[in-house]
Amino acid sequence: VQLQASGGGLVQPGGSLRLSCEAFGTITSSYVMGWYRQAPGKQRELVGVIATGDTTKVVDSVKGRFTISRDIAKKTVYLQMNDLKPEDTAVYYCYVGPDYWGSGTQVTVSS
């Protein structure tokens, strides 16, 4: 499975971005899909996942601001990011279980 992420960019605090990640290969709704991020000088961290039955979970730092969704027919997972903060600045990586990673897309939140 190969993953191609898009949608990153520069946005002002309080703004929104929608990341997309298209999978090339066999994907079903039983696959766990999600997003991680890595800020400069920090370890990669989980942002959130979507699993069987489209159940979702996001970490507390983005709860209420970020939403994960997917369209299995399009083999695409999304990350809707609202009310962005400077601390959300990072390279965002999409993920498909058990161990497939996208190349990353840069999100920069700055005025």
PDB file of N, CA and C in Angstrom:
ATOM      1  N   VAL A   1       0.845  -1.181   0.000  1.00  0.00           N
ATOM      2  CA  VAL A   1       0.000   0.000   0.000  1.00  0.00           C
ATOM      3  C   VAL A   1       0.886   1.239   0.000  1.00  0.00           C
ATOM      4  N   GLN A   2       0.616   2.138  -0.917  1.00  0.00           N
ATOM      5  CA  GLN A   2       1.315   3.425  -0.945  1.00  0.00           C
ATOM      6  C   GLN A   2       0.320   4.522  -0.598  1.00  0.00           C
ATOM      7  N   LEU A   3       0.817   5.537   0.109  1.00  0.00           N
ATOM      8  CA  LEU A   3      -0.039   6.611   0.584  1.00  0.00           C
ATOM      9  C   LEU A   3       0.470   7.944   0.063  1.00  0.00           C
ATOM     10  N   GLN A   4      -0.451   8.789  -0.371  1.00  0.00           N
ATOM     11  CA  GLN A   4      -0.088  10.116  -0.858  1.00  0.00           C
ATOM     12  C   GLN A   4      -0.935  11.154  -0.136  1.00  0.00           C
ATOM     13  N   ALA A   5      -0.267  11.964   0.676  1.00  0.00           N
ATOM     14  CA  ALA A   5      -0.958  12.990   1.458  1.00  0.00           C
ATOM     15  C   ALA A   5      -0.889  14.338   0.754  1.00  0.00           C
ATOM     16  N   SER A   6      -1.899  15.151   1.007  1.00  0.00           N
ATOM     17  CA  SER A   6      -1.936  16.494   0.443  1.00  0.00           C
ATOM     18  C   SER A   6      -2.772  17.391   1.341  1.00  0.00           C
ATOM     19  N   GLY A   7      -2.690  18.693   1.080  1.00  0.00           N
ATOM     20  CA  GLY A   7      -3.541  19.629   1.790  1.00  0.00           C
ATOM     21  C   GLY A   7      -2.844  20.492   2.819  1.00  0.00           C
ATOM     22  N   GLY A   8      -1.565  20.258   3.050  1.00  0.00           N
ATOM     23  CA  GLY A   8      -0.849  21.074   4.011  1.00  0.00           C
ATOM     24  C   GLY A   8      -0.604  22.473   3.480  1.00  0.00           C
ATOM     25  N   GLY A   9      -0.076  23.320   4.344  1.00  0.00           N
ATOM     26  CA  GLY A   9       0.217  24.677   3.921  1.00  0.00           C
ATOM     27  C   GLY A   9       0.418  25.598   5.097  1.00  0.00           C
ATOM     28  N   LEU A  10       0.433  26.892   4.793  1.00  0.00           N
ATOM     29  CA  LEU A  10       0.589  27.932   5.803  1.00  0.00           C
ATOM     30  C   LEU A  10      -0.787  28.537   6.101  1.00  0.00           C
ATOM     31  N   VAL A  11      -1.104  28.627   7.377  1.00  0.00           N
ATOM     32  CA  VAL A  11      -2.397  29.167   7.775  1.00  0.00           C
ATOM     33  C   VAL A  11      -2.219  30.012   9.029  1.00  0.00           C
ATOM     34  N   GLN A  12      -3.037  31.013   9.184  1.00  0.00           N
ATOM     35  CA  GLN A  12      -2.975  31.865  10.370  1.00  0.00           C
ATOM     36  C   GLN A  12      -3.647  31.172  11.557  1.00  0.00           C
ATOM     37  N   PRO A  13      -3.255  31.518  12.763  1.00  0.00           N
ATOM     38  CA  PRO A  13      -3.934  30.967  13.946  1.00  0.00           C
ATOM     39  C   PRO A  13      -5.441  31.189  13.860  1.00  0.00           C
ATOM     40  N   GLY A  14      -6.175  30.149  14.227  1.00  0.00           N
ATOM     41  CA  GLY A  14      -7.624  30.195  14.121  1.00  0.00           C
ATOM     42  C   GLY A  14      -8.164  29.712  12.796  1.00  0.00           C
ATOM     43  N   GLY A  15      -7.284  29.493  11.860  1.00  0.00           N
ATOM     44  CA  GLY A  15      -7.698  29.050  10.541  1.00  0.00           C
ATOM     45  C   GLY A  15      -7.942  27.554  10.464  1.00  0.00           C
ATOM     46  N   SER A  16      -8.262  27.086   9.258  1.00  0.00           N
ATOM     47  CA  SER A  16      -8.589  25.679   9.030  1.00  0.00           C
ATOM     48  C   SER A  16      -7.828  25.127   7.837  1.00  0.00           C
ATOM     49  N   LEU A  17      -7.577  23.852   7.899  1.00  0.00           N
ATOM     50  CA  LEU A  17      -7.012  23.106   6.780  1.00  0.00           C
ATOM     51  C   LEU A  17      -7.647  21.732   6.765  1.00  0.00           C
ATOM     52  N   ARG A  18      -7.697  21.137   5.584  1.00  0.00           N
ATOM     53  CA  ARG A  18      -8.163  19.760   5.456  1.00  0.00           C
ATOM     54  C   ARG A  18      -7.090  18.952   4.761  1.00  0.00           C
ATOM     55  N   LEU A  19      -6.565  17.981   5.451  1.00  0.00           N
ATOM     56  CA  LEU A  19      -5.576  17.085   4.872  1.00  0.00           C
ATOM     57  C   LEU A  19      -6.285  15.875   4.282  1.00  0.00           C
ATOM     58  N   SER A  20      -5.747  15.396   3.176  1.00  0.00           N
ATOM     59  CA  SER A  20      -6.255  14.189   2.531  1.00  0.00           C
ATOM     60  C   SER A  20      -5.116  13.220   2.340  1.00  0.00           C
ATOM     61  N   CYS A  21      -5.426  11.953   2.371  1.00  0.00           N
ATOM     62  CA  CYS A  21      -4.416  10.924   2.135  1.00  0.00           C
ATOM     63  C   CYS A  21      -5.061   9.790   1.352  1.00  0.00           C
ATOM     64  N   GLU A  22      -4.615   9.631   0.131  1.00  0.00           N
ATOM     65  CA  GLU A  22      -5.156   8.594  -0.733  1.00  0.00           C
ATOM     66  C   GLU A  22      -4.257   7.368  -0.690  1.00  0.00           C
ATOM     67  N   ALA A  23      -4.873   6.218  -0.566  1.00  0.00           N
ATOM     68  CA  ALA A  23      -4.133   4.955  -0.536  1.00  0.00           C
ATOM     69  C   ALA A  23      -4.205   4.281  -1.893  1.00  0.00           C
ATOM     70  N   PHE A  24      -3.074   3.736  -2.301  1.00  0.00           N
ATOM     71  CA  PHE A  24      -2.993   2.998  -3.556  1.00  0.00           C
ATOM     72  C   PHE A  24      -2.681   1.553  -3.197  1.00  0.00           C
ATOM     73  N   GLY A  25      -3.694   0.702  -3.341  1.00  0.00           N
ATOM     74  CA  GLY A  25      -3.578  -0.682  -2.945  1.00  0.00           C
ATOM     75  C   GLY A  25      -4.901  -1.136  -2.362  1.00  0.00           C
ATOM     76  N   THR A  26      -4.892  -2.307  -1.776  1.00  0.00           N
ATOM     77  CA  THR A  26      -6.119  -2.870  -1.215  1.00  0.00           C
ATOM     78  C   THR A  26      -6.397  -2.277   0.162  1.00  0.00           C
ATOM     79  N   ILE A  27      -7.515  -1.609   0.280  1.00  0.00           N
ATOM     80  CA  ILE A  27      -7.944  -1.013   1.545  1.00  0.00           C
ATOM     81  C   ILE A  27      -9.392  -1.395   1.792  1.00  0.00           C
ATOM     82  N   THR A  28      -9.679  -1.856   2.992  1.00  0.00           N
ATOM     83  CA  THR A  28     -11.063  -2.122   3.378  1.00  0.00           C
ATOM     84  C   THR A  28     -11.355  -1.389   4.676  1.00  0.00           C
ATOM     85  N   SER A  29     -12.596  -1.415   5.069  1.00  0.00           N
ATOM     86  CA  SER A  29     -13.002  -0.708   6.287  1.00  0.00           C
ATOM     87  C   SER A  29     -12.447  -1.359   7.552  1.00  0.00           C
ATOM     88  N   SER A  30     -11.861  -2.528   7.425  1.00  0.00           N
ATOM     89  CA  SER A  30     -11.266  -3.175   8.590  1.00  0.00           C
ATOM     90  C   SER A  30      -9.881  -2.618   8.911  1.00  0.00           C
ATOM     91  N   TYR A  31      -9.318  -1.852   7.987  1.00  0.00           N
ATOM     92  CA  TYR A  31      -8.003  -1.276   8.212  1.00  0.00           C
ATOM     93  C   TYR A  31      -8.096  -0.082   9.152  1.00  0.00           C
ATOM     94  N   VAL A  32      -7.149   0.019  10.055  1.00  0.00           N
ATOM     95  CA  VAL A  32      -7.011   1.218  10.869  1.00  0.00           C
ATOM     96  C   VAL A  32      -6.269   2.258  10.040  1.00  0.00           C
ATOM     97  N   MET A  33      -6.805   3.456   9.993  1.00  0.00           N
ATOM     98  CA  MET A  33      -6.177   4.555   9.264  1.00  0.00           C
ATOM     99  C   MET A  33      -6.081   5.743  10.213  1.00  0.00           C
ATOM    100  N   GLY A  34      -5.117   6.584   9.983  1.00  0.00           N
ATOM    101  CA  GLY A  34      -5.007   7.711  10.897  1.00  0.00           C
ATOM    102  C   GLY A  34      -3.929   8.695  10.516  1.00  0.00           C
ATOM    103  N   TRP A  35      -3.656   9.563  11.466  1.00  0.00           N
ATOM    104  CA  TRP A  35      -2.691  10.630  11.251  1.00  0.00           C
ATOM    105  C   TRP A  35      -1.763  10.747  12.467  1.00  0.00           C
ATOM    106  N   TYR A  36      -0.508  10.969  12.163  1.00  0.00           N
ATOM    107  CA  TYR A  36       0.501  11.302  13.158  1.00  0.00           C
ATOM    108  C   TYR A  36       1.096  12.647  12.760  1.00  0.00           C
ATOM    109  N   ARG A  37       1.834  13.237  13.672  1.00  0.00           N
ATOM    110  CA  ARG A  37       2.539  14.468  13.342  1.00  0.00           C
ATOM    111  C   ARG A  37       3.868  14.525  14.076  1.00  0.00           C
ATOM    112  N   GLN A  38       4.790  15.273  13.492  1.00  0.00           N
ATOM    113  CA  GLN A  38       6.101  15.443  14.108  1.00  0.00           C
ATOM    114  C   GLN A  38       6.512  16.889  14.003  1.00  0.00           C
ATOM    115  N   ALA A  39       6.602  17.525  15.155  1.00  0.00           N
ATOM    116  CA  ALA A  39       7.052  18.910  15.206  1.00  0.00           C
ATOM    117  C   ALA A  39       8.576  18.953  15.255  1.00  0.00           C
ATOM    118  N   PRO A  40       9.169  20.079  14.872  1.00  0.00           N
ATOM    119  CA  PRO A  40      10.636  20.184  14.889  1.00  0.00           C
ATOM    120  C   PRO A  40      11.206  19.872  16.273  1.00  0.00           C
ATOM    121  N   GLY A  41      12.180  18.977  16.311  1.00  0.00           N
ATOM    122  CA  GLY A  41      12.829  18.633  17.559  1.00  0.00           C
ATOM    123  C   GLY A  41      12.041  17.727  18.475  1.00  0.00           C
ATOM    124  N   LYS A  42      10.905  17.235  18.004  1.00  0.00           N
ATOM    125  CA  LYS A  42      10.069  16.373  18.834  1.00  0.00           C
ATOM    126  C   LYS A  42       9.840  15.033  18.167  1.00  0.00           C
ATOM    127  N   GLN A  43       9.389  14.078  18.965  1.00  0.00           N
ATOM    128  CA  GLN A  43       9.083  12.765  18.420  1.00  0.00           C
ATOM    129  C   GLN A  43       7.740  12.783  17.695  1.00  0.00           C
ATOM    130  N   ARG A  44       7.599  11.829  16.786  1.00  0.00           N
ATOM    131  CA  ARG A  44       6.329  11.686  16.105  1.00  0.00           C
ATOM    132  C   ARG A  44       5.263  11.276  17.114  1.00  0.00           C
ATOM    133  N   GLU A  45       4.101  11.910  17.008  1.00  0.00           N
ATOM    134  CA  GLU A  45       3.026  11.617  17.946  1.00  0.00           C
ATOM    135  C   GLU A  45       1.717  11.345  17.209  1.00  0.00           C
ATOM    136  N   LEU A  46       0.879  10.567  17.848  1.00  0.00           N
ATOM    137  CA  LEU A  46      -0.424  10.254  17.291  1.00  0.00           C
ATOM    138  C   LEU A  46      -1.326  11.483  17.341  1.00  0.00           C
ATOM    139  N   VAL A  47      -2.068  11.694  16.253  1.00  0.00           N
ATOM    140  CA  VAL A  47      -3.104  12.727  16.247  1.00  0.00           C
ATOM    141  C   VAL A  47      -4.464  12.068  16.427  1.00  0.00           C
ATOM    142  N   GLY A  48      -4.719  11.031  15.651  1.00  0.00           N
ATOM    143  CA  GLY A  48      -5.979  10.326  15.775  1.00  0.00           C
ATOM    144  C   GLY A  48      -6.068   9.187  14.786  1.00  0.00           C
ATOM    145  N   VAL A  49      -7.034   8.315  15.023  1.00  0.00           N
ATOM    146  CA  VAL A  49      -7.237   7.158  14.168  1.00  0.00           C
ATOM    147  C   VAL A  49      -8.712   6.958  13.887  1.00  0.00           C
ATOM    148  N   ILE A  50      -8.968   6.211  12.816  1.00  0.00           N
ATOM    149  CA  ILE A  50     -10.315   5.769  12.480  1.00  0.00           C
ATOM    150  C   ILE A  50     -10.231   4.281  12.202  1.00  0.00           C
ATOM    151  N   ALA A  51     -11.148   3.528  12.800  1.00  0.00           N
ATOM    152  CA  ALA A  51     -11.025   2.073  12.750  1.00  0.00           C
ATOM    153  C   ALA A  51     -12.324   1.434  12.277  1.00  0.00           C
ATOM    154  N   THR A  52     -12.456   0.167  12.558  1.00  0.00           N
ATOM    155  CA  THR A  52     -13.628  -0.601  12.130  1.00  0.00           C
ATOM    156  C   THR A  52     -14.909   0.075  12.585  1.00  0.00           C
ATOM    157  N   GLY A  53     -15.861   0.147  11.668  1.00  0.00           N
ATOM    158  CA  GLY A  53     -17.115   0.818  11.970  1.00  0.00           C
ATOM    159  C   GLY A  53     -16.984   2.327  11.955  1.00  0.00           C
ATOM    160  N   ASP A  54     -15.849   2.788  11.459  1.00  0.00           N
ATOM    161  CA  ASP A  54     -15.552   4.226  11.397  1.00  0.00           C
ATOM    162  C   ASP A  54     -15.562   4.876  12.776  1.00  0.00           C
ATOM    163  N   THR A  55     -15.212   4.094  13.771  1.00  0.00           N
ATOM    164  CA  THR A  55     -15.026   4.696  15.090  1.00  0.00           C
ATOM    165  C   THR A  55     -13.748   5.509  15.071  1.00  0.00           C
ATOM    166  N   THR A  56     -13.784   6.661  15.720  1.00  0.00           N
ATOM    167  CA  THR A  56     -12.641   7.566  15.680  1.00  0.00           C
ATOM    168  C   THR A  56     -12.170   7.906  17.085  1.00  0.00           C
ATOM    169  N   LYS A  57     -10.911   8.257  17.151  1.00  0.00           N
ATOM    170  CA  LYS A  57     -10.332   8.729  18.401  1.00  0.00           C
ATOM    171  C   LYS A  57      -9.246   9.724  18.069  1.00  0.00           C
ATOM    172  N   VAL A  58      -9.269  10.859  18.758  1.00  0.00           N
ATOM    173  CA  VAL A  58      -8.211  11.852  18.603  1.00  0.00           C
ATOM    174  C   VAL A  58      -7.624  12.147  19.976  1.00  0.00           C
ATOM    175  N   VAL A  59      -6.411  12.632  19.969  1.00  0.00           N
ATOM    176  CA  VAL A  59      -5.755  12.926  21.241  1.00  0.00           C
ATOM    177  C   VAL A  59      -6.358  14.175  21.862  1.00  0.00           C
ATOM    178  N   ASP A  60      -6.165  14.316  23.155  1.00  0.00           N
ATOM    179  CA  ASP A  60      -6.810  15.402  23.890  1.00  0.00           C
ATOM    180  C   ASP A  60      -6.415  16.785  23.375  1.00  0.00           C
ATOM    181  N   SER A  61      -5.177  16.929  22.914  1.00  0.00           N
ATOM    182  CA  SER A  61      -4.698  18.245  22.491  1.00  0.00           C
ATOM    183  C   SER A  61      -5.423  18.784  21.263  1.00  0.00           C
ATOM    184  N   VAL A  62      -6.089  17.926  20.512  1.00  0.00           N
ATOM    185  CA  VAL A  62      -6.800  18.375  19.309  1.00  0.00           C
ATOM    186  C   VAL A  62      -8.292  18.104  19.395  1.00  0.00           C
ATOM    187  N   LYS A  63      -8.734  17.529  20.491  1.00  0.00           N
ATOM    188  CA  LYS A  63     -10.142  17.183  20.632  1.00  0.00           C
ATOM    189  C   LYS A  63     -11.006  18.436  20.543  1.00  0.00           C
ATOM    190  N   GLY A  64     -12.079  18.334  19.760  1.00  0.00           N
ATOM    191  CA  GLY A  64     -12.961  19.472  19.559  1.00  0.00           C
ATOM    192  C   GLY A  64     -12.522  20.383  18.428  1.00  0.00           C
ATOM    193  N   ARG A  65     -11.307  20.167  17.926  1.00  0.00           N
ATOM    194  CA  ARG A  65     -10.802  21.002  16.823  1.00  0.00           C
ATOM    195  C   ARG A  65     -10.525  20.175  15.567  1.00  0.00           C
ATOM    196  N   PHE A  66     -10.042  18.959  15.738  1.00  0.00           N
ATOM    197  CA  PHE A  66      -9.693  18.095  14.606  1.00  0.00           C
ATOM    198  C   PHE A  66     -10.693  16.950  14.493  1.00  0.00           C
ATOM    199  N   THR A  67     -10.996  16.575  13.263  1.00  0.00           N
ATOM    200  CA  THR A  67     -11.900  15.462  12.996  1.00  0.00           C
ATOM    201  C   THR A  67     -11.306  14.555  11.928  1.00  0.00           C
ATOM    202  N   ILE A  68     -11.341  13.272  12.185  1.00  0.00           N
ATOM    203  CA  ILE A  68     -10.880  12.288  11.209  1.00  0.00           C
ATOM    204  C   ILE A  68     -12.084  11.648  10.559  1.00  0.00           C
ATOM    205  N   SER A  69     -11.995  11.455   9.260  1.00  0.00           N
ATOM    206  CA  SER A  69     -13.047  10.743   8.532  1.00  0.00           C
ATOM    207  C   SER A  69     -12.395  10.006   7.374  1.00  0.00           C
ATOM    208  N   ARG A  70     -13.166   9.170   6.708  1.00  0.00           N
ATOM    209  CA  ARG A  70     -12.616   8.472   5.544  1.00  0.00           C
ATOM    210  C   ARG A  70     -13.725   8.099   4.581  1.00  0.00           C
ATOM    211  N   ASP A  71     -13.308   7.902   3.355  1.00  0.00           N
ATOM    212  CA  ASP A  71     -14.173   7.418   2.292  1.00  0.00           C
ATOM    213  C   ASP A  71     -13.486   6.175   1.741  1.00  0.00           C
ATOM    214  N   ILE A  72     -13.963   5.017   2.133  1.00  0.00           N
ATOM    215  CA  ILE A  72     -13.317   3.775   1.728  1.00  0.00           C
ATOM    216  C   ILE A  72     -13.397   3.578   0.219  1.00  0.00           C
ATOM    217  N   ALA A  73     -14.493   3.978  -0.378  1.00  0.00           N
ATOM    218  CA  ALA A  73     -14.631   3.837  -1.831  1.00  0.00           C
ATOM    219  C   ALA A  73     -13.546   4.615  -2.555  1.00  0.00           C
ATOM    220  N   LYS A  74     -13.136   5.737  -1.981  1.00  0.00           N
ATOM    221  CA  LYS A  74     -12.062   6.552  -2.566  1.00  0.00           C
ATOM    222  C   LYS A  74     -10.707   6.206  -1.967  1.00  0.00           C
ATOM    223  N   LYS A  75     -10.703   5.283  -1.001  1.00  0.00           N
ATOM    224  CA  LYS A  75      -9.463   4.879  -0.329  1.00  0.00           C
ATOM    225  C   LYS A  75      -8.744   6.105   0.243  1.00  0.00           C
ATOM    226  N   THR A  76      -9.497   6.981   0.826  1.00  0.00           N
ATOM    227  CA  THR A  76      -8.955   8.246   1.297  1.00  0.00           C
ATOM    228  C   THR A  76      -9.349   8.503   2.745  1.00  0.00           C
ATOM    229  N   VAL A  77      -8.381   8.931   3.529  1.00  0.00           N
ATOM    230  CA  VAL A  77      -8.633   9.359   4.907  1.00  0.00           C
ATOM    231  C   VAL A  77      -8.381  10.858   4.986  1.00  0.00           C
ATOM    232  N   TYR A  78      -9.194  11.528   5.783  1.00  0.00           N
ATOM    233  CA  TYR A  78      -9.143  12.982   5.879  1.00  0.00           C
ATOM    234  C   TYR A  78      -8.843  13.407   7.314  1.00  0.00           C
ATOM    235  N   LEU A  79      -8.257  14.580   7.432  1.00  0.00           N
ATOM    236  CA  LEU A  79      -8.082  15.213   8.734  1.00  0.00           C
ATOM    237  C   LEU A  79      -8.522  16.658   8.593  1.00  0.00           C
ATOM    238  N   GLN A  80      -9.690  16.956   9.144  1.00  0.00           N
ATOM    239  CA  GLN A  80     -10.195  18.326   9.150  1.00  0.00           C
ATOM    240  C   GLN A  80      -9.663  19.009  10.395  1.00  0.00           C
ATOM    241  N   MET A  81      -8.948  20.093  10.197  1.00  0.00           N
ATOM    242  CA  MET A  81      -8.317  20.802  11.304  1.00  0.00           C
ATOM    243  C   MET A  81      -8.882  22.213  11.378  1.00  0.00           C
ATOM    244  N   ASN A  82      -9.545  22.505  12.466  1.00  0.00           N
ATOM    245  CA  ASN A  82     -10.128  23.828  12.695  1.00  0.00           C
ATOM    246  C   ASN A  82      -9.460  24.487  13.892  1.00  0.00           C
ATOM    247  N   ASP A  83      -9.609  25.803  13.970  1.00  0.00           N
ATOM    248  CA  ASP A  83      -9.055  26.573  15.082  1.00  0.00           C
ATOM    249  C   ASP A  83      -7.586  26.205  15.312  1.00  0.00           C
ATOM    250  N   LEU A  84      -6.825  26.236  14.254  1.00  0.00           N
ATOM    251  CA  LEU A  84      -5.422  25.842  14.333  1.00  0.00           C
ATOM    252  C   LEU A  84      -4.626  26.787  15.216  1.00  0.00           C
ATOM    253  N   LYS A  85      -3.642  26.210  15.902  1.00  0.00           N
ATOM    254  CA  LYS A  85      -2.787  26.948  16.815  1.00  0.00           C
ATOM    255  C   LYS A  85      -1.329  26.797  16.388  1.00  0.00           C
ATOM    256  N   PRO A  86      -0.480  27.728  16.764  1.00  0.00           N
ATOM    257  CA  PRO A  86       0.936  27.597  16.392  1.00  0.00           C
ATOM    258  C   PRO A  86       1.539  26.260  16.821  1.00  0.00           C
ATOM    259  N   GLU A  87       1.087  25.713  17.920  1.00  0.00           N
ATOM    260  CA  GLU A  87       1.632  24.432  18.380  1.00  0.00           C
ATOM    261  C   GLU A  87       1.186  23.250  17.533  1.00  0.00           C
ATOM    262  N   ASP A  88       0.291  23.475  16.598  1.00  0.00           N
ATOM    263  CA  ASP A  88      -0.086  22.423  15.649  1.00  0.00           C
ATOM    264  C   ASP A  88       0.897  22.336  14.476  1.00  0.00           C
ATOM    265  N   THR A  89       1.825  23.263  14.421  1.00  0.00           N
ATOM    266  CA  THR A  89       2.817  23.252  13.350  1.00  0.00           C
ATOM    267  C   THR A  89       3.635  21.965  13.411  1.00  0.00           C
ATOM    268  N   ALA A  90       3.646  21.241  12.296  1.00  0.00           N
ATOM    269  CA  ALA A  90       4.336  19.947  12.247  1.00  0.00           C
ATOM    270  C   ALA A  90       4.233  19.387  10.836  1.00  0.00           C
ATOM    271  N   VAL A  91       4.989  18.341  10.612  1.00  0.00           N
ATOM    272  CA  VAL A  91       4.777  17.527   9.419  1.00  0.00           C
ATOM    273  C   VAL A  91       3.756  16.466   9.799  1.00  0.00           C
ATOM    274  N   TYR A  92       2.714  16.366   9.016  1.00  0.00           N
ATOM    275  CA  TYR A  92       1.632  15.419   9.296  1.00  0.00           C
ATOM    276  C   TYR A  92       1.776  14.210   8.372  1.00  0.00           C
ATOM    277  N   TYR A  93       1.715  13.034   8.971  1.00  0.00           N
ATOM    278  CA  TYR A  93       1.875  11.775   8.249  1.00  0.00           C
ATOM    279  C   TYR A  93       0.591  10.963   8.349  1.00  0.00           C
ATOM    280  N   CYS A  94       0.139  10.459   7.215  1.00  0.00           N
ATOM    281  CA  CYS A  94      -0.989   9.542   7.275  1.00  0.00           C
ATOM    282  C   CYS A  94      -0.471   8.122   7.466  1.00  0.00           C
ATOM    283  N   TYR A  95      -1.342   7.301   7.972  1.00  0.00           N
ATOM    284  CA  TYR A  95      -0.962   5.958   8.388  1.00  0.00           C
ATOM    285  C   TYR A  95      -2.081   4.987   8.072  1.00  0.00           C
ATOM    286  N   VAL A  96      -1.700   3.816   7.584  1.00  0.00           N
ATOM    287  CA  VAL A  96      -2.637   2.711   7.406  1.00  0.00           C
ATOM    288  C   VAL A  96      -2.013   1.478   8.034  1.00  0.00           C
ATOM    289  N   GLY A  97      -2.747   0.847   8.928  1.00  0.00           N
ATOM    290  CA  GLY A  97      -2.229  -0.337   9.584  1.00  0.00           C
ATOM    291  C   GLY A  97      -2.038  -1.494   8.633  1.00  0.00           C
ATOM    292  N   PRO A  98      -1.048  -2.373   8.902  1.00  0.00           N
ATOM    293  CA  PRO A  98      -0.261  -2.370  10.133  1.00  0.00           C
ATOM    294  C   PRO A  98       0.959  -1.454  10.127  1.00  0.00           C
ATOM    295  N   ASP A  99       1.476  -1.091   8.950  1.00  0.00           N
ATOM    296  CA  ASP A  99       2.714  -0.317   8.979  1.00  0.00           C
ATOM    297  C   ASP A  99       2.977   0.392   7.658  1.00  0.00           C
ATOM    298  N   TYR A 100       1.990   1.118   7.177  1.00  0.00           N
ATOM    299  CA  TYR A 100       2.159   1.878   5.948  1.00  0.00           C
ATOM    300  C   TYR A 100       2.090   3.363   6.270  1.00  0.00           C
ATOM    301  N   TRP A 101       3.021   4.132   5.713  1.00  0.00           N
ATOM    302  CA  TRP A 101       3.140   5.548   6.027  1.00  0.00           C
ATOM    303  C   TRP A 101       3.204   6.382   4.758  1.00  0.00           C
ATOM    304  N   GLY A 102       2.559   7.544   4.806  1.00  0.00           N
ATOM    305  CA  GLY A 102       2.698   8.522   3.745  1.00  0.00           C
ATOM    306  C   GLY A 102       3.970   9.324   3.939  1.00  0.00           C
ATOM    307  N   SER A 103       4.319  10.119   2.960  1.00  0.00           N
ATOM    308  CA  SER A 103       5.566  10.879   2.990  1.00  0.00           C
ATOM    309  C   SER A 103       5.485  12.132   3.839  1.00  0.00           C
ATOM    310  N   GLY A 104       4.327  12.547   4.234  1.00  0.00           N
ATOM    311  CA  GLY A 104       4.194  13.712   5.102  1.00  0.00           C
ATOM    312  C   GLY A 104       3.835  14.967   4.347  1.00  0.00           C
ATOM    313  N   THR A 105       3.086  15.820   5.013  1.00  0.00           N
ATOM    314  CA  THR A 105       2.724  17.117   4.461  1.00  0.00           C
ATOM    315  C   THR A 105       2.892  18.164   5.565  1.00  0.00           C
ATOM    316  N   GLN A 106       3.520  19.269   5.217  1.00  0.00           N
ATOM    317  CA  GLN A 106       3.851  20.294   6.206  1.00  0.00           C
ATOM    318  C   GLN A 106       2.649  21.179   6.500  1.00  0.00           C
ATOM    319  N   VAL A 107       2.394  21.368   7.779  1.00  0.00           N
ATOM    320  CA  VAL A 107       1.378  22.325   8.231  1.00  0.00           C
ATOM    321  C   VAL A 107       2.084  23.359   9.095  1.00  0.00           C
ATOM    322  N   THR A 108       1.958  24.611   8.723  1.00  0.00           N
ATOM    323  CA  THR A 108       2.573  25.699   9.473  1.00  0.00           C
ATOM    324  C   THR A 108       1.488  26.685   9.881  1.00  0.00           C
ATOM    325  N   VAL A 109       1.399  26.923  11.173  1.00  0.00           N
ATOM    326  CA  VAL A 109       0.405  27.855  11.708  1.00  0.00           C
ATOM    327  C   VAL A 109       1.154  29.059  12.260  1.00  0.00           C
ATOM    328  N   SER A 110       0.999  30.181  11.574  1.00  0.00           N
ATOM    329  CA  SER A 110       1.762  31.367  11.953  1.00  0.00           C
ATOM    330  C   SER A 110       1.078  32.608  11.417  1.00  0.00           C
ATOM    331  N   SER A 111       1.214  33.688  12.168  1.00  0.00           N
ATOM    332  CA  SER A 111       0.681  34.962  11.705  1.00  0.00           C
ATOM    333  C   SER A 111       1.759  35.751  10.971  1.00  0.00           C
TER     334      SER A 111
END
